[in-house]
Amino acid sequence: MMESHARKEDTLVGAAQGAVTHNLDAVEETVDTAIADAVHEVRSGAQEVVDQTLTRVRGKWEEQRPKIEDYMAAHPWMVLAGLLVVGYLLAGIQRSRTS
C-alpha cells in the first residue's frame, strides 16, 4: 500500500512538474514575443523620427546654403578666422579629455 501511494505521489509530482514546465515555457515564449514586438515598435518609431529630422535638416540646409556661400565669398577672411577659432576650441577640448 505504501509503495502504491509513493508511486501515485511520484506520478502526481511528475505531472505537476511537467505542467509547471509547460506553463513556464509558454510564459517565456509570450514574454519573448512581447519584448521583440516592443523593441521592433520602438526601433521603427525612432527610425521614423530620425528620418523626419534629417529631412527637415536637409531642407533647412538647402534653404540656407546660398546665403552661407554668398557670405563665405564676400568675407573669406572672417570665415577663415572663425574656422581657426573653432579648431582651437576643439583642440582645447580634446586636450582636456586626454589629460
N, C-alpha and C. Protein backbone atom coordinates (compact mmCIF):
# COMPACT_ATOMS: atom_id res chain seq x y z
N MET A 1 0.81 -1.19 0.00
CA MET A 1 0.00 0.00 0.00
C MET A 1 0.86 1.26 0.00
N MET A 2 1.91 1.29 0.82
CA MET A 2 2.81 2.44 0.88
C MET A 2 3.52 2.64 -0.46
N GLU A 3 3.89 1.53 -1.05
CA GLU A 3 4.58 1.59 -2.34
C GLU A 3 3.65 2.15 -3.41
N SER A 4 2.41 1.75 -3.39
CA SER A 4 1.41 2.23 -4.34
C SER A 4 1.17 3.72 -4.13
N HIS A 5 1.10 4.13 -2.88
CA HIS A 5 0.90 5.54 -2.55
C HIS A 5 2.11 6.37 -3.01
N ALA A 6 3.31 5.85 -2.82
CA ALA A 6 4.53 6.55 -3.23
C ALA A 6 4.57 6.69 -4.75
N ARG A 7 4.16 5.66 -5.47
CA ARG A 7 4.12 5.74 -6.93
C ARG A 7 3.12 6.79 -7.40
N LYS A 8 1.98 6.84 -6.73
CA LYS A 8 0.97 7.84 -7.09
C LYS A 8 1.51 9.24 -6.84
N GLU A 9 2.19 9.41 -5.71
CA GLU A 9 2.78 10.71 -5.40
C GLU A 9 3.82 11.08 -6.45
N ASP A 10 4.68 10.12 -6.82
CA ASP A 10 5.69 10.37 -7.84
C ASP A 10 5.04 10.75 -9.17
N THR A 11 3.96 10.05 -9.49
CA THR A 11 3.25 10.34 -10.73
C THR A 11 2.64 11.74 -10.68
N LEU A 12 2.03 12.07 -9.56
CA LEU A 12 1.43 13.41 -9.40
C LEU A 12 2.49 14.50 -9.43
N VAL A 13 3.60 14.25 -8.75
CA VAL A 13 4.69 15.22 -8.73
C VAL A 13 5.25 15.40 -10.14
N GLY A 14 5.44 14.30 -10.85
CA GLY A 14 5.94 14.38 -12.22
C GLY A 14 4.98 15.13 -13.12
N ALA A 15 3.69 14.87 -12.98
CA ALA A 15 2.68 15.57 -13.78
C ALA A 15 2.67 17.06 -13.44
N ALA A 16 2.76 17.38 -12.16
CA ALA A 16 2.78 18.78 -11.74
C ALA A 16 4.01 19.49 -12.28
N GLN A 17 5.16 18.82 -12.20
CA GLN A 17 6.39 19.42 -12.73
C GLN A 17 6.29 19.63 -14.24
N GLY A 18 5.70 18.66 -14.92
CA GLY A 18 5.52 18.80 -16.37
C GLY A 18 4.60 19.96 -16.70
N ALA A 19 3.52 20.10 -15.94
CA ALA A 19 2.58 21.19 -16.17
C ALA A 19 3.24 22.55 -15.90
N VAL A 20 3.99 22.62 -14.81
CA VAL A 20 4.68 23.87 -14.47
C VAL A 20 5.71 24.22 -15.55
N THR A 21 6.47 23.23 -15.97
CA THR A 21 7.47 23.46 -17.02
C THR A 21 6.81 23.94 -18.31
N HIS A 22 5.71 23.29 -18.67
CA HIS A 22 4.98 23.67 -19.88
C HIS A 22 4.47 25.12 -19.76
N ASN A 23 3.89 25.44 -18.60
CA ASN A 23 3.37 26.79 -18.39
C ASN A 23 4.49 27.83 -18.40
N LEU A 24 5.61 27.51 -17.77
CA LEU A 24 6.75 28.44 -17.77
C LEU A 24 7.29 28.64 -19.18
N ASP A 25 7.35 27.57 -19.95
CA ASP A 25 7.80 27.70 -21.34
C ASP A 25 6.85 28.60 -22.13
N ALA A 26 5.56 28.42 -21.92
CA ALA A 26 4.57 29.24 -22.62
C ALA A 26 4.69 30.71 -22.21
N VAL A 27 4.87 30.96 -20.91
CA VAL A 27 5.03 32.34 -20.43
C VAL A 27 6.30 32.95 -21.00
N GLU A 28 7.38 32.18 -20.98
CA GLU A 28 8.65 32.68 -21.51
C GLU A 28 8.53 33.03 -22.99
N GLU A 29 7.86 32.17 -23.74
CA GLU A 29 7.68 32.44 -25.17
C GLU A 29 6.83 33.69 -25.39
N THR A 30 5.80 33.85 -24.58
CA THR A 30 4.94 35.03 -24.70
C THR A 30 5.69 36.30 -24.35
N VAL A 31 6.48 36.23 -23.28
CA VAL A 31 7.28 37.40 -22.88
C VAL A 31 8.31 37.73 -23.95
N ASP A 32 8.99 36.72 -24.48
CA ASP A 32 9.98 36.96 -25.54
C ASP A 32 9.33 37.62 -26.75
N THR A 33 8.16 37.13 -27.14
CA THR A 33 7.45 37.70 -28.28
C THR A 33 7.05 39.15 -28.00
N ALA A 34 6.54 39.40 -26.80
CA ALA A 34 6.12 40.75 -26.43
C ALA A 34 7.31 41.71 -26.44
N ILE A 35 8.43 41.25 -25.91
CA ILE A 35 9.62 42.10 -25.88
C ILE A 35 10.11 42.38 -27.30
N ALA A 36 10.14 41.34 -28.13
CA ALA A 36 10.59 41.53 -29.51
C ALA A 36 9.67 42.50 -30.24
N ASP A 37 8.37 42.37 -30.03
CA ASP A 37 7.42 43.30 -30.67
C ASP A 37 7.63 44.73 -30.18
N ALA A 38 7.83 44.88 -28.87
CA ALA A 38 8.03 46.22 -28.31
C ALA A 38 9.31 46.85 -28.83
N VAL A 39 10.37 46.06 -28.90
CA VAL A 39 11.65 46.58 -29.41
C VAL A 39 11.51 46.98 -30.87
N HIS A 40 10.82 46.16 -31.65
CA HIS A 40 10.61 46.48 -33.06
C HIS A 40 9.81 47.77 -33.20
N GLU A 41 8.77 47.91 -32.37
CA GLU A 41 7.93 49.11 -32.43
C GLU A 41 8.73 50.36 -32.05
N VAL A 42 9.52 50.27 -30.99
CA VAL A 42 10.34 51.41 -30.56
C VAL A 42 11.37 51.75 -31.64
N ARG A 43 11.99 50.73 -32.20
CA ARG A 43 13.01 50.96 -33.23
C ARG A 43 12.39 51.62 -34.46
N SER A 44 11.21 51.15 -34.86
CA SER A 44 10.54 51.74 -36.02
C SER A 44 10.17 53.19 -35.74
N GLY A 45 9.68 53.46 -34.55
CA GLY A 45 9.34 54.84 -34.19
C GLY A 45 10.55 55.73 -34.17
N ALA A 46 11.64 55.24 -33.61
CA ALA A 46 12.88 56.02 -33.56
C ALA A 46 13.40 56.28 -34.97
N GLN A 47 13.34 55.27 -35.82
CA GLN A 47 13.81 55.43 -37.19
C GLN A 47 12.97 56.48 -37.93
N GLU A 48 11.67 56.47 -37.67
CA GLU A 48 10.79 57.45 -38.31
C GLU A 48 11.13 58.87 -37.85
N VAL A 49 11.38 59.04 -36.55
CA VAL A 49 11.74 60.35 -36.02
C VAL A 49 13.06 60.83 -36.62
N VAL A 50 14.03 59.93 -36.69
CA VAL A 50 15.33 60.29 -37.26
C VAL A 50 15.17 60.68 -38.73
N ASP A 51 14.40 59.92 -39.49
CA ASP A 51 14.18 60.24 -40.90
C ASP A 51 13.53 61.61 -41.06
N GLN A 52 12.52 61.90 -40.24
CA GLN A 52 11.84 63.19 -40.31
C GLN A 52 12.80 64.33 -39.96
N THR A 53 13.62 64.11 -38.93
CA THR A 53 14.57 65.14 -38.51
C THR A 53 15.60 65.40 -39.60
N LEU A 54 16.13 64.34 -40.17
CA LEU A 54 17.12 64.52 -41.25
C LEU A 54 16.52 65.21 -42.46
N THR A 55 15.28 64.89 -42.76
CA THR A 55 14.62 65.55 -43.89
C THR A 55 14.49 67.04 -43.62
N ARG A 56 14.09 67.40 -42.39
CA ARG A 56 13.97 68.82 -42.04
C ARG A 56 15.33 69.53 -42.09
N VAL A 57 16.35 68.87 -41.55
CA VAL A 57 17.69 69.47 -41.55
C VAL A 57 18.19 69.68 -42.97
N ARG A 58 18.00 68.67 -43.81
CA ARG A 58 18.42 68.82 -45.22
C ARG A 58 17.68 69.98 -45.89
N GLY A 59 16.39 70.07 -45.63
CA GLY A 59 15.61 71.16 -46.22
C GLY A 59 16.10 72.52 -45.77
N LYS A 60 16.35 72.67 -44.46
CA LYS A 60 16.86 73.94 -43.94
C LYS A 60 18.25 74.25 -44.48
N TRP A 61 19.08 73.20 -44.58
CA TRP A 61 20.42 73.41 -45.13
C TRP A 61 20.35 73.91 -46.57
N GLU A 62 19.49 73.30 -47.35
CA GLU A 62 19.35 73.71 -48.75
C GLU A 62 18.80 75.13 -48.86
N GLU A 63 17.95 75.54 -47.90
CA GLU A 63 17.45 76.92 -47.88
C GLU A 63 18.58 77.90 -47.55
N GLN A 64 19.41 77.57 -46.58
CA GLN A 64 20.43 78.49 -46.08
C GLN A 64 21.74 78.43 -46.88
N ARG A 65 21.93 77.38 -47.63
CA ARG A 65 23.21 77.18 -48.33
C ARG A 65 23.60 78.34 -49.24
N PRO A 66 22.70 78.86 -50.07
CA PRO A 66 23.12 80.00 -50.92
C PRO A 66 23.56 81.21 -50.09
N LYS A 67 22.88 81.47 -48.97
CA LYS A 67 23.26 82.60 -48.11
C LYS A 67 24.64 82.37 -47.51
N ILE A 68 24.89 81.14 -47.08
CA ILE A 68 26.20 80.82 -46.48
C ILE A 68 27.30 80.94 -47.52
N GLU A 69 27.04 80.43 -48.73
CA GLU A 69 28.05 80.52 -49.78
C GLU A 69 28.31 81.96 -50.17
N ASP A 70 27.27 82.79 -50.22
CA ASP A 70 27.45 84.22 -50.53
C ASP A 70 28.28 84.90 -49.44
N TYR A 71 27.98 84.59 -48.17
CA TYR A 71 28.73 85.17 -47.06
C TYR A 71 30.20 84.75 -47.13
N MET A 72 30.43 83.47 -47.41
CA MET A 72 31.81 82.98 -47.49
C MET A 72 32.56 83.64 -48.63
N ALA A 73 31.88 83.87 -49.74
CA ALA A 73 32.53 84.53 -50.88
C ALA A 73 32.81 86.00 -50.57
N ALA A 74 31.92 86.65 -49.84
CA ALA A 74 32.09 88.07 -49.54
C ALA A 74 33.09 88.30 -48.40
N HIS A 75 33.20 87.36 -47.47
CA HIS A 75 34.05 87.54 -46.29
C HIS A 75 34.93 86.31 -46.04
N PRO A 76 35.83 85.99 -46.96
CA PRO A 76 36.64 84.77 -46.79
C PRO A 76 37.54 84.81 -45.55
N TRP A 77 38.06 86.00 -45.22
CA TRP A 77 38.96 86.08 -44.07
C TRP A 77 38.21 85.88 -42.74
N MET A 78 36.99 86.35 -42.68
CA MET A 78 36.18 86.15 -41.47
C MET A 78 35.86 84.67 -41.30
N VAL A 79 35.57 84.01 -42.42
CA VAL A 79 35.27 82.58 -42.36
C VAL A 79 36.51 81.82 -41.90
N LEU A 80 37.67 82.16 -42.45
CA LEU A 80 38.92 81.51 -42.05
C LEU A 80 39.20 81.74 -40.57
N ALA A 81 39.02 82.97 -40.11
CA ALA A 81 39.26 83.28 -38.69
C ALA A 81 38.29 82.48 -37.81
N GLY A 82 37.04 82.40 -38.21
CA GLY A 82 36.06 81.64 -37.45
C GLY A 82 36.42 80.17 -37.38
N LEU A 83 36.87 79.62 -38.49
CA LEU A 83 37.27 78.21 -38.52
C LEU A 83 38.50 77.97 -37.63
N LEU A 84 39.43 78.91 -37.62
CA LEU A 84 40.60 78.77 -36.76
C LEU A 84 40.20 78.81 -35.28
N VAL A 85 39.28 79.69 -34.92
CA VAL A 85 38.81 79.76 -33.53
C VAL A 85 38.13 78.45 -33.14
N VAL A 86 37.27 77.96 -34.00
CA VAL A 86 36.57 76.70 -33.72
C VAL A 86 37.59 75.56 -33.58
N GLY A 87 38.57 75.51 -34.47
CA GLY A 87 39.61 74.48 -34.39
C GLY A 87 40.40 74.57 -33.10
N TYR A 88 40.71 75.79 -32.68
CA TYR A 88 41.45 75.99 -31.43
C TYR A 88 40.62 75.50 -30.24
N LEU A 89 39.33 75.84 -30.23
CA LEU A 89 38.46 75.41 -29.13
C LEU A 89 38.32 73.89 -29.10
N LEU A 90 38.13 73.28 -30.24
CA LEU A 90 38.01 71.81 -30.29
C LEU A 90 39.29 71.12 -29.87
N ALA A 91 40.43 71.70 -30.25
CA ALA A 91 41.71 71.13 -29.83
C ALA A 91 41.87 71.23 -28.32
N GLY A 92 41.43 72.34 -27.73
CA GLY A 92 41.50 72.50 -26.27
C GLY A 92 40.63 71.49 -25.56
N ILE A 93 39.44 71.25 -26.11
CA ILE A 93 38.54 70.25 -25.51
C ILE A 93 39.17 68.87 -25.60
N GLN A 94 39.75 68.56 -26.75
CA GLN A 94 40.41 67.27 -26.93
C GLN A 94 41.57 67.09 -25.97
N ARG A 95 42.36 68.14 -25.78
CA ARG A 95 43.49 68.06 -24.85
C ARG A 95 43.02 67.83 -23.43
N SER A 96 41.93 68.51 -23.04
CA SER A 96 41.45 68.36 -21.67
C SER A 96 40.87 66.95 -21.44
N ARG A 97 40.34 66.34 -22.45
CA ARG A 97 39.81 64.97 -22.32
C ARG A 97 40.93 63.94 -22.18
N THR A 98 42.04 64.15 -22.87
CA THR A 98 43.14 63.19 -22.82
C THR A 98 44.01 63.37 -21.58
N SER A 99 43.89 64.52 -20.93
CA SER A 99 44.72 64.78 -19.74
C SER A 99 44.17 64.12 -18.53
